[in-house]
Amino acid sequence: MIGKPPIDIPAPGEGKRGEAGYLGYLLRQAAAAHRLRMERGFAEFGVTLPQFTVLTMLAAYPGLSSADLARLALLTPQTMSVIVTNLVRSGAILRRPHEVHGRIQHLDISAAGQDLLVKCRERALVVERALRSGLSETEDGVIRRWLVSVAVEPGGS
């Protein structure tokens, strides 16, 4: 509108984007900042945070299906399909048919994917160390337990 002064949008950490804000919003704001830091760390390798998540999960749980990965990564099956296709195309993961169900394919991390994951983990650890800086082991544990409890609380998801 004409005549209204411009609204100053608070920076992260100020106003409702700070300690006075809703906890859910603050979690989302923190997640967005974390994602940006991780993506910057992985940029040299052409890897996104969701791709890193897929590589991490396949290294930990070989043979998952794309649907399994979508649930683990908290992404839609359609988004996971694009991620898997790109990782297969790059040679980071391999597809193999399910022994019984013809339409289901198992996914495994390849040797090239393992090498890529090692590089990405080094960058992720830098971000993780910065995230934990200033926290005691006790505080770190409290935060981790609280975040897990938010995710597994009955009716929470």
Protein backbone atom coordinates (compact mmCIF):
# COMPACT_ATOMS: atom_id res chain seq x y z
CA MET A 1 0.00 0.00 0.00
CA ILE A 2 1.04 3.55 -0.61
CA GLY A 3 2.11 5.54 2.41
CA LYS A 4 2.93 2.57 4.63
CA PRO A 5 6.48 2.41 5.89
CA PRO A 6 8.41 -0.71 4.86
CA ILE A 7 8.35 -3.53 7.37
CA ASP A 8 11.71 -4.50 8.79
CA ILE A 9 11.92 -8.28 8.67
CA PRO A 10 13.88 -9.52 11.66
CA ALA A 11 17.08 -11.43 11.09
CA PRO A 12 17.39 -15.00 12.37
CA GLY A 13 17.69 -14.84 16.14
CA GLU A 14 15.58 -11.67 16.45
CA GLY A 15 11.91 -11.21 17.33
CA LYS A 16 9.77 -14.21 16.46
CA ARG A 17 12.81 -15.65 14.67
CA GLY A 18 14.58 -15.74 18.04
CA GLU A 19 13.86 -17.17 21.48
CA ALA A 20 10.36 -15.62 21.46
CA GLY A 21 9.40 -17.62 18.37
CA TYR A 22 7.40 -20.80 18.12
CA LEU A 23 9.52 -23.87 18.76
CA GLY A 24 8.41 -25.57 15.53
CA TYR A 25 9.38 -22.51 13.51
CA LEU A 26 12.76 -22.36 15.26
CA LEU A 27 13.37 -26.04 14.45
CA ARG A 28 12.56 -25.39 10.80
CA GLN A 29 14.74 -22.27 10.73
CA ALA A 30 17.64 -24.22 12.25
CA ALA A 31 17.12 -27.09 9.79
CA ALA A 32 17.21 -24.67 6.84
CA ALA A 33 20.43 -23.07 8.11
CA HIS A 34 21.97 -26.51 8.65
CA ARG A 35 20.95 -27.67 5.18
CA LEU A 36 22.53 -24.58 3.62
CA ARG A 37 25.81 -25.17 5.48
CA MET A 38 25.87 -28.84 4.44
CA GLU A 39 25.06 -28.04 0.79
CA ARG A 40 27.88 -25.48 0.70
CA GLY A 41 30.23 -28.13 2.08
CA PHE A 42 29.17 -30.68 -0.54
CA ALA A 43 29.07 -28.25 -3.49
CA GLU A 44 32.58 -29.13 -4.66
CA PHE A 45 31.43 -32.73 -5.11
CA GLY A 46 28.10 -31.87 -6.78
CA VAL A 47 26.18 -33.57 -3.96
CA THR A 48 23.01 -32.31 -2.30
CA LEU A 49 22.01 -33.00 1.30
CA PRO A 50 19.29 -35.47 0.21
CA GLN A 51 21.85 -37.32 -1.94
CA PHE A 52 24.23 -37.45 1.02
CA THR A 53 21.38 -38.85 3.12
CA VAL A 54 20.72 -41.56 0.53
CA LEU A 55 24.40 -42.52 0.36
CA THR A 56 24.60 -42.57 4.16
CA MET A 57 21.50 -44.76 4.52
CA LEU A 58 22.60 -47.20 1.80
CA ALA A 59 26.02 -47.53 3.43
CA ALA A 60 24.31 -48.29 6.76
CA TYR A 61 21.41 -50.38 5.37
CA PRO A 62 22.38 -51.99 2.04
CA GLY A 63 19.65 -53.27 -0.24
CA LEU A 64 16.92 -50.80 0.60
CA SER A 65 14.23 -50.03 -1.94
CA SER A 66 13.54 -46.54 -3.20
CA ALA A 67 10.34 -46.51 -1.10
CA ASP A 68 12.34 -47.48 2.01
CA LEU A 69 14.80 -44.67 1.31
CA ALA A 70 11.98 -42.16 0.85
CA ARG A 71 10.63 -43.03 4.31
CA LEU A 72 14.09 -42.86 5.92
CA ALA A 73 15.00 -39.57 4.24
CA LEU A 74 11.57 -38.02 4.92
CA LEU A 75 11.03 -37.36 1.22
CA THR A 76 8.24 -38.18 -1.21
CA PRO A 77 8.62 -41.28 -3.40
CA GLN A 78 8.63 -38.99 -6.47
CA THR A 79 11.52 -36.91 -5.11
CA MET A 80 13.40 -40.06 -4.13
CA SER A 81 12.96 -41.45 -7.64
CA VAL A 82 14.73 -38.39 -9.09
CA ILE A 83 17.53 -38.60 -6.49
CA VAL A 84 18.04 -42.33 -7.09
CA THR A 85 18.05 -41.87 -10.88
CA ASN A 86 20.72 -39.16 -10.60
CA LEU A 87 22.86 -41.24 -8.23
CA VAL A 88 22.58 -44.31 -10.48
CA ARG A 89 23.49 -42.19 -13.50
CA SER A 90 26.55 -40.84 -11.66
CA GLY A 91 27.63 -44.37 -10.69
CA ALA A 92 27.30 -43.72 -6.92
CA ILE A 93 24.61 -46.38 -6.40
CA LEU A 94 23.61 -49.60 -8.13
CA ARG A 95 20.21 -51.18 -8.73
CA ARG A 96 19.53 -54.90 -8.51
CA PRO A 97 16.23 -56.76 -8.87
CA HIS A 98 14.37 -58.11 -5.84
CA GLU A 99 14.60 -61.89 -5.61
CA VAL A 100 10.81 -62.34 -5.49
CA HIS A 101 9.04 -59.10 -6.44
CA GLY A 102 9.89 -58.11 -10.00
CA ARG A 103 8.89 -54.46 -9.66
CA ILE A 104 10.95 -53.82 -6.53
CA GLN A 105 14.62 -52.99 -6.95
CA HIS A 106 17.22 -53.06 -4.21
CA LEU A 107 19.75 -50.27 -4.09
CA ASP A 108 23.37 -50.52 -2.99
CA ILE A 109 26.15 -47.99 -2.72
CA SER A 110 28.91 -48.58 -5.28
CA ALA A 111 32.65 -48.31 -4.68
CA ALA A 112 32.55 -44.85 -6.30
CA GLY A 113 29.64 -43.97 -4.03
CA GLN A 114 31.62 -45.10 -0.98
CA ASP A 115 34.53 -42.88 -2.03
CA LEU A 116 32.17 -39.95 -2.53
CA LEU A 117 30.54 -40.59 0.84
CA VAL A 118 33.93 -40.53 2.59
CA LYS A 119 34.63 -37.08 1.10
CA CYS A 120 31.17 -35.80 2.01
CA ARG A 121 31.40 -37.18 5.56
CA GLU A 122 34.58 -35.17 6.11
CA ARG A 123 32.68 -32.00 5.19
CA ALA A 124 29.66 -33.05 7.25
CA LEU A 125 31.86 -33.56 10.31
CA VAL A 126 33.14 -30.00 10.02
CA VAL A 127 29.55 -28.71 10.04
CA GLU A 128 28.63 -31.06 12.91
CA ARG A 129 31.60 -29.91 15.01
CA ALA A 130 30.60 -26.28 14.48
CA LEU A 131 27.01 -27.14 15.40
CA ARG A 132 28.15 -28.71 18.68
CA SER A 133 30.73 -26.07 19.53
CA GLY A 134 30.09 -24.57 22.93
CA LEU A 135 28.02 -27.56 24.09
CA SER A 136 29.12 -29.89 26.83
CA GLU A 137 28.73 -33.65 26.29
CA THR A 138 25.78 -33.53 28.67
CA GLU A 139 24.09 -30.72 26.74
CA ASP A 140 24.74 -32.51 23.45
CA GLY A 141 23.13 -35.66 24.87
CA VAL A 142 20.11 -33.76 26.18
CA ILE A 143 19.53 -32.12 22.81
CA ARG A 144 19.90 -35.43 20.95
CA ARG A 145 17.47 -37.21 23.29
CA TRP A 146 14.97 -34.36 23.00
CA LEU A 147 15.14 -34.33 19.18
CA VAL A 148 14.65 -38.09 19.07
CA SER A 149 11.72 -37.86 21.48
CA VAL A 150 10.08 -35.21 19.28
CA ALA A 151 10.41 -37.55 16.29
CA VAL A 152 9.12 -40.70 18.02
CA GLU A 153 6.49 -39.23 20.33
CA PRO A 154 3.13 -40.98 19.77
CA GLY A 155 1.01 -38.89 17.45
CA GLY A 156 4.03 -36.78 16.52
CA SER A 157 4.33 -38.01 12.96
